[in-house]
Amino acid sequence: MKKTFLFVLAIASATILYGQENAAQTEYSQEVPTESSEELSAFNIGVLMGGGSLIGVDFEFLIPKSRLSLQAGVGISSFGAGFNYHLKDGINSSFVSLQYWNQGFGDNHYASYMGPMFVYRHKKLFQCGIGIGSIMDKGPLWKDLTEKQQKVTTALLYNIGLYF
């Protein structure tokens, strides 16, 4: 059920974003020249990056001639991946992402999350993101929570850091 919900949410988000982009363009609209960015990759470092680790890094690669990018990262005790849609042309723009986070390994595994995230990027250097993740898998450390906390099915996903 969770996977179906997340799949429908991802498709609906992509459809809405594509529709808004096309609605803004009419036969009277004129292309405004913008600064061309030929960068196809970005390296991110920060808090709760790389799958939600205290300190982590992500590498993002923009698919040429599109607004889509792929992202993968690792942290001190986590890893993650994402499929991103940039709101403007270029790797330096904000994006909406479908993220997967895995916090912990082996006996120190806490939980795995999947869900949508919005990442704001300033023109240069700064980025921050916020989203919601559905808990896909609960690890051995999950049992250390109180009974009320163990009933949680979603979590707030967020991060802040720098990109180059």
N, C-alpha and C. Protein backbone atom coordinates (compact mmCIF):
# COMPACT_ATOMS: atom_id res chain seq x y z
N MET A 1 0.82 -1.19 0.00
CA MET A 1 0.00 0.00 0.00
C MET A 1 0.87 1.27 0.00
N LYS A 2 1.93 1.24 0.83
CA LYS A 2 2.80 2.41 0.91
C LYS A 2 3.49 2.67 -0.42
N LYS A 3 3.97 1.59 -1.05
CA LYS A 3 4.68 1.75 -2.32
C LYS A 3 3.75 2.28 -3.40
N THR A 4 2.51 1.81 -3.41
CA THR A 4 1.53 2.28 -4.39
C THR A 4 1.25 3.76 -4.16
N PHE A 5 1.07 4.15 -2.91
CA PHE A 5 0.80 5.55 -2.58
C PHE A 5 1.96 6.44 -3.03
N LEU A 6 3.21 6.03 -2.73
CA LEU A 6 4.37 6.83 -3.12
C LEU A 6 4.51 6.92 -4.63
N PHE A 7 4.22 5.83 -5.33
CA PHE A 7 4.29 5.84 -6.80
C PHE A 7 3.27 6.81 -7.37
N VAL A 8 2.03 6.76 -6.88
CA VAL A 8 0.98 7.67 -7.37
C VAL A 8 1.34 9.11 -7.04
N LEU A 9 1.89 9.35 -5.84
CA LEU A 9 2.29 10.69 -5.45
C LEU A 9 3.39 11.23 -6.37
N ALA A 10 4.36 10.39 -6.71
CA ALA A 10 5.45 10.82 -7.60
C ALA A 10 4.92 11.15 -8.99
N ILE A 11 4.05 10.33 -9.53
CA ILE A 11 3.48 10.58 -10.86
C ILE A 11 2.64 11.85 -10.85
N ALA A 12 1.82 12.02 -9.81
CA ALA A 12 0.98 13.22 -9.72
C ALA A 12 1.84 14.48 -9.62
N SER A 13 2.91 14.44 -8.83
CA SER A 13 3.80 15.59 -8.69
C SER A 13 4.45 15.95 -10.01
N ALA A 14 4.93 14.94 -10.73
CA ALA A 14 5.58 15.20 -12.02
C ALA A 14 4.59 15.78 -13.02
N THR A 15 3.36 15.27 -13.03
CA THR A 15 2.33 15.77 -13.94
C THR A 15 1.98 17.21 -13.64
N ILE A 16 1.82 17.53 -12.37
CA ILE A 16 1.48 18.91 -11.97
C ILE A 16 2.60 19.86 -12.36
N LEU A 17 3.84 19.49 -12.07
CA LEU A 17 4.97 20.36 -12.42
C LEU A 17 5.07 20.58 -13.92
N TYR A 18 4.89 19.54 -14.71
CA TYR A 18 4.95 19.65 -16.17
C TYR A 18 3.81 20.53 -16.67
N GLY A 19 2.62 20.38 -16.10
CA GLY A 19 1.47 21.18 -16.51
C GLY A 19 1.67 22.65 -16.21
N GLN A 20 2.25 22.96 -15.06
CA GLN A 20 2.50 24.36 -14.71
C GLN A 20 3.52 24.98 -15.65
N GLU A 21 4.50 24.21 -16.03
CA GLU A 21 5.52 24.72 -16.96
C GLU A 21 4.89 25.04 -18.31
N ASN A 22 4.04 24.16 -18.82
CA ASN A 22 3.42 24.37 -20.12
C ASN A 22 2.36 25.46 -20.08
N ALA A 23 1.66 25.62 -18.96
CA ALA A 23 0.62 26.64 -18.85
C ALA A 23 1.22 28.04 -18.91
N ALA A 24 2.46 28.18 -18.45
CA ALA A 24 3.11 29.49 -18.45
C ALA A 24 3.57 29.91 -19.84
N GLN A 25 3.65 28.99 -20.77
CA GLN A 25 4.11 29.30 -22.12
C GLN A 25 2.92 29.42 -23.06
N THR A 26 2.78 30.57 -23.68
CA THR A 26 1.73 30.78 -24.67
C THR A 26 2.40 31.17 -25.98
N GLU A 27 1.57 31.31 -27.02
CA GLU A 27 2.16 31.69 -28.31
C GLU A 27 2.70 33.11 -28.27
N TYR A 28 2.29 33.91 -27.27
CA TYR A 28 2.76 35.28 -27.17
C TYR A 28 3.99 35.41 -26.27
N SER A 29 4.30 34.34 -25.55
CA SER A 29 5.45 34.43 -24.65
C SER A 29 6.74 34.47 -25.45
N GLN A 30 7.70 35.14 -24.89
CA GLN A 30 8.97 35.33 -25.57
C GLN A 30 10.07 34.73 -24.72
N GLU A 31 10.98 34.03 -25.34
CA GLU A 31 12.10 33.44 -24.62
C GLU A 31 12.99 34.56 -24.10
N VAL A 32 13.27 34.52 -22.82
CA VAL A 32 14.17 35.49 -22.21
C VAL A 32 15.54 34.84 -22.13
N PRO A 33 16.56 35.49 -22.67
CA PRO A 33 17.88 34.89 -22.61
C PRO A 33 18.32 34.72 -21.15
N THR A 34 18.82 33.55 -20.83
CA THR A 34 19.31 33.30 -19.48
C THR A 34 20.77 32.90 -19.55
N GLU A 35 21.41 32.99 -18.41
CA GLU A 35 22.80 32.60 -18.33
C GLU A 35 22.90 31.09 -18.52
N SER A 36 23.66 30.68 -19.48
CA SER A 36 23.79 29.25 -19.80
C SER A 36 24.74 28.59 -18.81
N SER A 37 24.27 27.54 -18.19
CA SER A 37 25.10 26.78 -17.27
C SER A 37 25.43 25.44 -17.91
N GLU A 38 26.70 25.21 -18.13
CA GLU A 38 27.10 23.96 -18.77
C GLU A 38 27.50 22.91 -17.74
N GLU A 39 27.39 23.23 -16.46
CA GLU A 39 27.73 22.26 -15.43
C GLU A 39 26.69 21.16 -15.41
N LEU A 40 27.14 19.93 -15.38
CA LEU A 40 26.24 18.79 -15.37
C LEU A 40 26.26 18.03 -14.05
N SER A 41 27.10 18.45 -13.10
CA SER A 41 27.16 17.73 -11.83
C SER A 41 27.33 18.69 -10.67
N ALA A 42 26.95 18.21 -9.50
CA ALA A 42 27.10 18.99 -8.27
C ALA A 42 27.52 18.05 -7.15
N PHE A 43 28.33 18.57 -6.26
CA PHE A 43 28.79 17.84 -5.08
C PHE A 43 28.22 18.57 -3.87
N ASN A 44 27.48 17.86 -3.01
CA ASN A 44 26.83 18.47 -1.85
C ASN A 44 27.44 17.90 -0.58
N ILE A 45 27.60 18.75 0.43
CA ILE A 45 28.06 18.30 1.74
C ILE A 45 27.27 19.05 2.80
N GLY A 46 26.84 18.33 3.85
CA GLY A 46 26.09 19.01 4.87
C GLY A 46 25.50 18.09 5.93
N VAL A 47 24.64 18.68 6.73
CA VAL A 47 23.96 18.00 7.83
C VAL A 47 22.74 17.27 7.28
N LEU A 48 22.59 16.00 7.60
CA LEU A 48 21.51 15.12 7.16
C LEU A 48 21.52 14.90 5.65
N MET A 49 22.68 15.01 5.04
CA MET A 49 22.85 14.66 3.63
C MET A 49 23.33 13.21 3.57
N GLY A 50 23.39 12.66 2.40
CA GLY A 50 23.88 11.29 2.24
C GLY A 50 22.99 10.26 2.91
N GLY A 51 21.68 10.44 2.79
CA GLY A 51 20.76 9.48 3.38
C GLY A 51 20.35 9.79 4.80
N GLY A 52 20.59 11.00 5.26
CA GLY A 52 20.15 11.41 6.59
C GLY A 52 21.19 11.22 7.67
N SER A 53 22.45 11.19 7.32
CA SER A 53 23.52 11.05 8.30
C SER A 53 23.83 12.41 8.92
N LEU A 54 24.40 12.39 10.12
CA LEU A 54 24.75 13.63 10.79
C LEU A 54 25.59 14.51 9.86
N ILE A 55 26.57 13.92 9.20
CA ILE A 55 27.35 14.61 8.17
C ILE A 55 27.43 13.67 6.98
N GLY A 56 27.08 14.18 5.81
CA GLY A 56 27.09 13.33 4.63
C GLY A 56 27.38 14.11 3.37
N VAL A 57 27.60 13.37 2.29
CA VAL A 57 27.88 13.97 0.98
C VAL A 57 26.98 13.32 -0.07
N ASP A 58 26.62 14.10 -1.08
CA ASP A 58 25.82 13.62 -2.20
C ASP A 58 26.51 14.04 -3.49
N PHE A 59 26.37 13.23 -4.51
CA PHE A 59 26.83 13.58 -5.85
C PHE A 59 25.61 13.55 -6.75
N GLU A 60 25.41 14.63 -7.50
CA GLU A 60 24.24 14.74 -8.38
C GLU A 60 24.72 14.92 -9.82
N PHE A 61 24.08 14.21 -10.74
CA PHE A 61 24.42 14.29 -12.15
C PHE A 61 23.18 14.66 -12.95
N LEU A 62 23.25 15.77 -13.68
CA LEU A 62 22.15 16.25 -14.51
C LEU A 62 22.17 15.52 -15.85
N ILE A 63 21.04 14.98 -16.25
CA ILE A 63 20.93 14.32 -17.55
C ILE A 63 20.96 15.42 -18.62
N PRO A 64 21.88 15.35 -19.59
CA PRO A 64 22.03 16.43 -20.58
C PRO A 64 20.72 16.75 -21.31
N LYS A 65 20.53 18.05 -21.56
CA LYS A 65 19.37 18.58 -22.29
C LYS A 65 18.04 18.22 -21.65
N SER A 66 18.02 18.14 -20.32
CA SER A 66 16.77 17.90 -19.60
C SER A 66 16.89 18.54 -18.22
N ARG A 67 15.83 18.50 -17.49
CA ARG A 67 15.82 19.02 -16.13
C ARG A 67 15.89 17.89 -15.10
N LEU A 68 16.10 16.69 -15.56
CA LEU A 68 16.15 15.53 -14.68
C LEU A 68 17.58 15.26 -14.23
N SER A 69 17.72 14.81 -12.99
CA SER A 69 19.03 14.43 -12.49
C SER A 69 18.91 13.24 -11.55
N LEU A 70 20.03 12.57 -11.38
CA LEU A 70 20.13 11.45 -10.46
C LEU A 70 21.10 11.83 -9.35
N GLN A 71 20.85 11.33 -8.16
CA GLN A 71 21.64 11.70 -7.00
C GLN A 71 21.93 10.46 -6.17
N ALA A 72 23.14 10.36 -5.63
CA ALA A 72 23.51 9.28 -4.73
C ALA A 72 24.43 9.85 -3.66
N GLY A 73 24.31 9.34 -2.44
CA GLY A 73 25.13 9.87 -1.38
C GLY A 73 25.39 8.88 -0.26
N VAL A 74 26.41 9.21 0.54
CA VAL A 74 26.75 8.42 1.71
C VAL A 74 27.05 9.36 2.86
N GLY A 75 26.86 8.83 4.06
CA GLY A 75 27.17 9.58 5.25
C GLY A 75 27.92 8.72 6.24
N ILE A 76 28.11 9.23 7.44
CA ILE A 76 28.83 8.50 8.47
C ILE A 76 28.18 7.14 8.70
N SER A 77 26.86 7.10 8.75
CA SER A 77 26.17 5.83 9.01
C SER A 77 24.92 5.68 8.15
N SER A 78 24.98 6.14 6.91
CA SER A 78 23.79 6.08 6.07
C SER A 78 24.16 6.14 4.59
N PHE A 79 23.15 5.90 3.77
CA PHE A 79 23.30 6.12 2.33
C PHE A 79 21.93 6.48 1.78
N GLY A 80 21.92 7.07 0.59
CA GLY A 80 20.66 7.48 -0.01
C GLY A 80 20.79 7.68 -1.50
N ALA A 81 19.63 7.85 -2.14
CA ALA A 81 19.58 8.08 -3.58
C ALA A 81 18.35 8.91 -3.89
N GLY A 82 18.35 9.57 -5.05
CA GLY A 82 17.21 10.39 -5.42
C GLY A 82 17.09 10.56 -6.92
N PHE A 83 15.86 10.80 -7.33
CA PHE A 83 15.53 11.11 -8.73
C PHE A 83 14.93 12.51 -8.69
N ASN A 84 15.57 13.48 -9.36
CA ASN A 84 15.24 14.90 -9.21
C ASN A 84 14.69 15.52 -10.48
N TYR A 85 13.79 16.50 -10.30
CA TYR A 85 13.29 17.32 -11.40
C TYR A 85 13.58 18.77 -11.04
N HIS A 86 14.47 19.43 -11.80
CA HIS A 86 14.84 20.82 -11.54
C HIS A 86 13.77 21.76 -12.09
N LEU A 87 13.46 22.80 -11.31
CA LEU A 87 12.41 23.74 -11.69
C LEU A 87 12.86 24.70 -12.78
N LYS A 88 14.16 24.89 -12.93
CA LYS A 88 14.72 25.72 -14.00
C LYS A 88 15.85 24.93 -14.65
N ASP A 89 16.29 25.40 -15.80
CA ASP A 89 17.41 24.74 -16.47
C ASP A 89 18.68 24.89 -15.64
N GLY A 90 19.48 23.87 -15.61
CA GLY A 90 20.77 23.93 -14.93
C GLY A 90 20.78 23.22 -13.60
N ILE A 91 21.95 22.78 -13.22
CA ILE A 91 22.14 22.03 -11.98
C ILE A 91 22.03 22.93 -10.75
N ASN A 92 22.18 24.25 -10.93
CA ASN A 92 22.17 25.18 -9.81
C ASN A 92 20.77 25.61 -9.38
N SER A 93 19.73 25.01 -9.93
CA SER A 93 18.36 25.42 -9.60
C SER A 93 17.74 24.52 -8.54
N SER A 94 16.69 25.02 -7.91
CA SER A 94 15.93 24.24 -6.94
C SER A 94 15.27 23.06 -7.64
N PHE A 95 14.93 22.03 -6.87
CA PHE A 95 14.32 20.85 -7.49
C PHE A 95 13.39 20.12 -6.54
N VAL A 96 12.54 19.30 -7.15
CA VAL A 96 11.66 18.39 -6.42
C VAL A 96 12.24 17.00 -6.63
N SER A 97 12.25 16.20 -5.58
CA SER A 97 12.96 14.93 -5.65
C SER A 97 12.16 13.80 -5.02
N LEU A 98 12.33 12.61 -5.55
CA LEU A 98 11.84 11.40 -4.89
C LEU A 98 13.08 10.77 -4.26
N GLN A 99 13.13 10.75 -2.92
CA GLN A 99 14.32 10.35 -2.19
C GLN A 99 14.16 9.00 -1.51
N TYR A 100 15.27 8.28 -1.37
CA TYR A 100 15.35 7.07 -0.55
C TYR A 100 16.49 7.28 0.44
N TRP A 101 16.20 7.14 1.73
CA TRP A 101 17.21 7.27 2.78
C TRP A 101 17.29 5.97 3.55
N ASN A 102 18.49 5.53 3.86
CA ASN A 102 18.71 4.35 4.69
C ASN A 102 19.63 4.77 5.84
N GLN A 103 19.10 4.83 7.04
CA GLN A 103 19.88 5.28 8.19
C GLN A 103 20.39 4.09 8.98
N GLY A 104 21.69 3.91 9.00
CA GLY A 104 22.33 2.84 9.76
C GLY A 104 22.61 1.61 8.93
N PHE A 105 23.53 0.79 9.44
CA PHE A 105 23.93 -0.45 8.79
C PHE A 105 23.91 -1.58 9.80
N GLY A 106 23.54 -2.78 9.37
CA GLY A 106 23.60 -3.97 10.22
C GLY A 106 22.82 -3.82 11.52
N ASP A 107 23.49 -4.09 12.65
CA ASP A 107 22.84 -3.99 13.96
C ASP A 107 22.53 -2.54 14.33
N ASN A 108 23.15 -1.59 13.66
CA ASN A 108 22.90 -0.17 13.92
C ASN A 108 21.90 0.43 12.95
N HIS A 109 21.19 -0.41 12.20
CA HIS A 109 20.19 0.09 11.26
C HIS A 109 18.99 0.62 12.03
N TYR A 110 18.61 1.87 11.74
CA TYR A 110 17.48 2.49 12.41
C TYR A 110 16.22 2.36 11.56
N ALA A 111 16.23 2.93 10.35
CA ALA A 111 15.05 2.86 9.48
C ALA A 111 15.43 3.27 8.06
N SER A 112 14.56 2.91 7.12
CA SER A 112 14.68 3.32 5.73
C SER A 112 13.43 4.10 5.35
N TYR A 113 13.61 5.20 4.61
CA TYR A 113 12.51 6.08 4.25
C TYR A 113 12.47 6.29 2.74
N MET A 114 11.28 6.59 2.23
CA MET A 114 11.14 6.97 0.83
C MET A 114 10.03 8.00 0.74
N GLY A 115 10.29 9.08 0.00
CA GLY A 115 9.26 10.09 -0.15
C GLY A 115 9.72 11.31 -0.92
N PRO A 116 8.79 12.24 -1.16
CA PRO A 116 9.11 13.45 -1.91
C PRO A 116 9.83 14.48 -1.05
N MET A 117 10.66 15.28 -1.69
CA MET A 117 11.40 16.33 -1.00
C MET A 117 11.57 17.52 -1.93
N PHE A 118 11.43 18.73 -1.38
CA PHE A 118 11.73 19.94 -2.12
C PHE A 118 13.07 20.46 -1.64
N VAL A 119 13.98 20.73 -2.56
CA VAL A 119 15.31 21.24 -2.22
C VAL A 119 15.47 22.63 -2.83
N TYR A 120 15.69 23.62 -1.97
CA TYR A 120 15.93 24.99 -2.42
C TYR A 120 17.43 25.17 -2.60
N ARG A 121 17.81 25.72 -3.74
CA ARG A 121 19.21 26.05 -3.98
C ARG A 121 19.33 27.53 -4.29
N HIS A 122 20.18 28.20 -3.53
CA HIS A 122 20.52 29.57 -3.84
C HIS A 122 21.44 29.54 -5.06
N LYS A 123 21.63 30.67 -5.70
CA LYS A 123 22.39 30.71 -6.96
C LYS A 123 23.74 30.02 -6.84
N LYS A 124 24.40 30.20 -5.74
CA LYS A 124 25.70 29.57 -5.54
C LYS A 124 25.85 29.17 -4.08
N LEU A 125 26.36 28.00 -3.84
CA LEU A 125 26.83 27.51 -2.56
C LEU A 125 25.78 26.90 -1.61
N PHE A 126 24.69 27.59 -1.28
CA PHE A 126 23.78 27.15 -0.21
C PHE A 126 22.60 26.33 -0.73
N GLN A 127 22.23 25.29 0.02
CA GLN A 127 21.02 24.54 -0.30
C GLN A 127 20.41 23.99 0.99
N CYS A 128 19.09 23.81 0.97
CA CYS A 128 18.38 23.18 2.08
C CYS A 128 17.16 22.46 1.52
N GLY A 129 16.74 21.41 2.19
CA GLY A 129 15.62 20.63 1.69
C GLY A 129 14.69 20.21 2.80
N ILE A 130 13.42 19.99 2.43
CA ILE A 130 12.42 19.50 3.37
C ILE A 130 11.45 18.60 2.62
N GLY A 131 11.03 17.54 3.29
CA GLY A 131 10.11 16.60 2.67
C GLY A 131 9.51 15.67 3.71
N ILE A 132 8.79 14.69 3.22
CA ILE A 132 8.17 13.71 4.11
C ILE A 132 8.50 12.32 3.57
N GLY A 133 8.86 11.43 4.48
CA GLY A 133 9.24 10.09 4.08
C GLY A 133 8.39 9.03 4.75
N SER A 134 7.96 8.09 3.97
CA SER A 134 7.24 6.94 4.50
C SER A 134 8.27 5.91 4.97
N ILE A 135 8.05 5.35 6.14
CA ILE A 135 9.00 4.38 6.68
C ILE A 135 8.83 3.07 5.93
N MET A 136 9.87 2.66 5.22
CA MET A 136 9.83 1.44 4.41
C MET A 136 10.29 0.22 5.20
N ASP A 137 11.26 0.42 6.09
CA ASP A 137 11.84 -0.70 6.83
C ASP A 137 12.31 -0.19 8.19
N LYS A 138 12.09 -0.98 9.22
CA LYS A 138 12.52 -0.63 10.57
C LYS A 138 13.63 -1.58 10.99
N GLY A 139 14.73 -1.02 11.45
CA GLY A 139 15.88 -1.82 11.84
C GLY A 139 15.88 -2.19 13.31
N PRO A 140 16.94 -2.86 13.77
CA PRO A 140 17.05 -3.30 15.16
C PRO A 140 16.99 -2.15 16.18
N LEU A 141 17.49 -0.98 15.83
CA LEU A 141 17.46 0.14 16.77
C LEU A 141 16.06 0.72 16.97
N TRP A 142 15.12 0.35 16.10
CA TRP A 142 13.75 0.86 16.21
C TRP A 142 13.11 0.40 17.52
N LYS A 143 13.49 -0.78 18.02
CA LYS A 143 12.88 -1.33 19.24
C LYS A 143 13.23 -0.52 20.48
N ASP A 144 14.26 0.34 20.40
CA ASP A 144 14.64 1.18 21.53
C ASP A 144 13.67 2.33 21.76
N LEU A 145 12.77 2.56 20.82
CA LEU A 145 11.79 3.64 20.95
C LEU A 145 10.65 3.22 21.87
N THR A 146 9.90 4.20 22.37
CA THR A 146 8.73 3.89 23.18
C THR A 146 7.65 3.27 22.29
N GLU A 147 6.66 2.65 22.91
CA GLU A 147 5.60 2.00 22.14
C GLU A 147 4.85 3.00 21.26
N LYS A 148 4.62 4.20 21.78
CA LYS A 148 3.93 5.24 21.00
C LYS A 148 4.77 5.66 19.80
N GLN A 149 6.07 5.82 19.99
CA GLN A 149 6.95 6.22 18.90
C GLN A 149 7.06 5.13 17.83
N GLN A 150 6.94 3.87 18.22
CA GLN A 150 7.07 2.77 17.27
C GLN A 150 5.91 2.71 16.29
N LYS A 151 4.79 3.36 16.59
CA LYS A 151 3.62 3.34 15.72
C LYS A 151 3.71 4.35 14.58
N VAL A 152 4.73 5.17 14.58
CA VAL A 152 4.90 6.20 13.56
C VAL A 152 5.12 5.54 12.19
N THR A 153 4.46 6.09 11.15
CA THR A 153 4.60 5.53 9.80
C THR A 153 5.29 6.49 8.83
N THR A 154 5.41 7.76 9.19
CA THR A 154 6.07 8.75 8.34
C THR A 154 7.03 9.58 9.18
N ALA A 155 7.96 10.23 8.50
CA ALA A 155 8.93 11.07 9.20
C ALA A 155 9.23 12.31 8.36
N LEU A 156 9.59 13.37 9.04
CA LEU A 156 10.01 14.60 8.38
C LEU A 156 11.45 14.42 7.91
N LEU A 157 11.70 14.66 6.63
CA LEU A 157 13.05 14.59 6.07
C LEU A 157 13.52 16.02 5.81
N TYR A 158 14.71 16.34 6.24
CA TYR A 158 15.25 17.68 5.99
C TYR A 158 16.77 17.61 5.98
N ASN A 159 17.38 18.61 5.35
CA ASN A 159 18.84 18.71 5.32
C ASN A 159 19.24 20.14 5.02
N ILE A 160 20.48 20.45 5.28
CA ILE A 160 21.03 21.77 5.00
C ILE A 160 22.52 21.61 4.71
N GLY A 161 23.00 22.35 3.73
CA GLY A 161 24.42 22.21 3.41
C GLY A 161 24.88 23.11 2.29
N LEU A 162 26.01 22.75 1.74
CA LEU A 162 26.65 23.51 0.67
C LEU A 162 26.76 22.63 -0.57
N TYR A 163 26.71 23.26 -1.73
CA TYR A 163 26.92 22.52 -2.98
C TYR A 163 27.95 23.24 -3.83
N PHE A 164 28.68 22.46 -4.58
CA PHE A 164 29.76 22.99 -5.42
C PHE A 164 29.61 22.47 -6.83
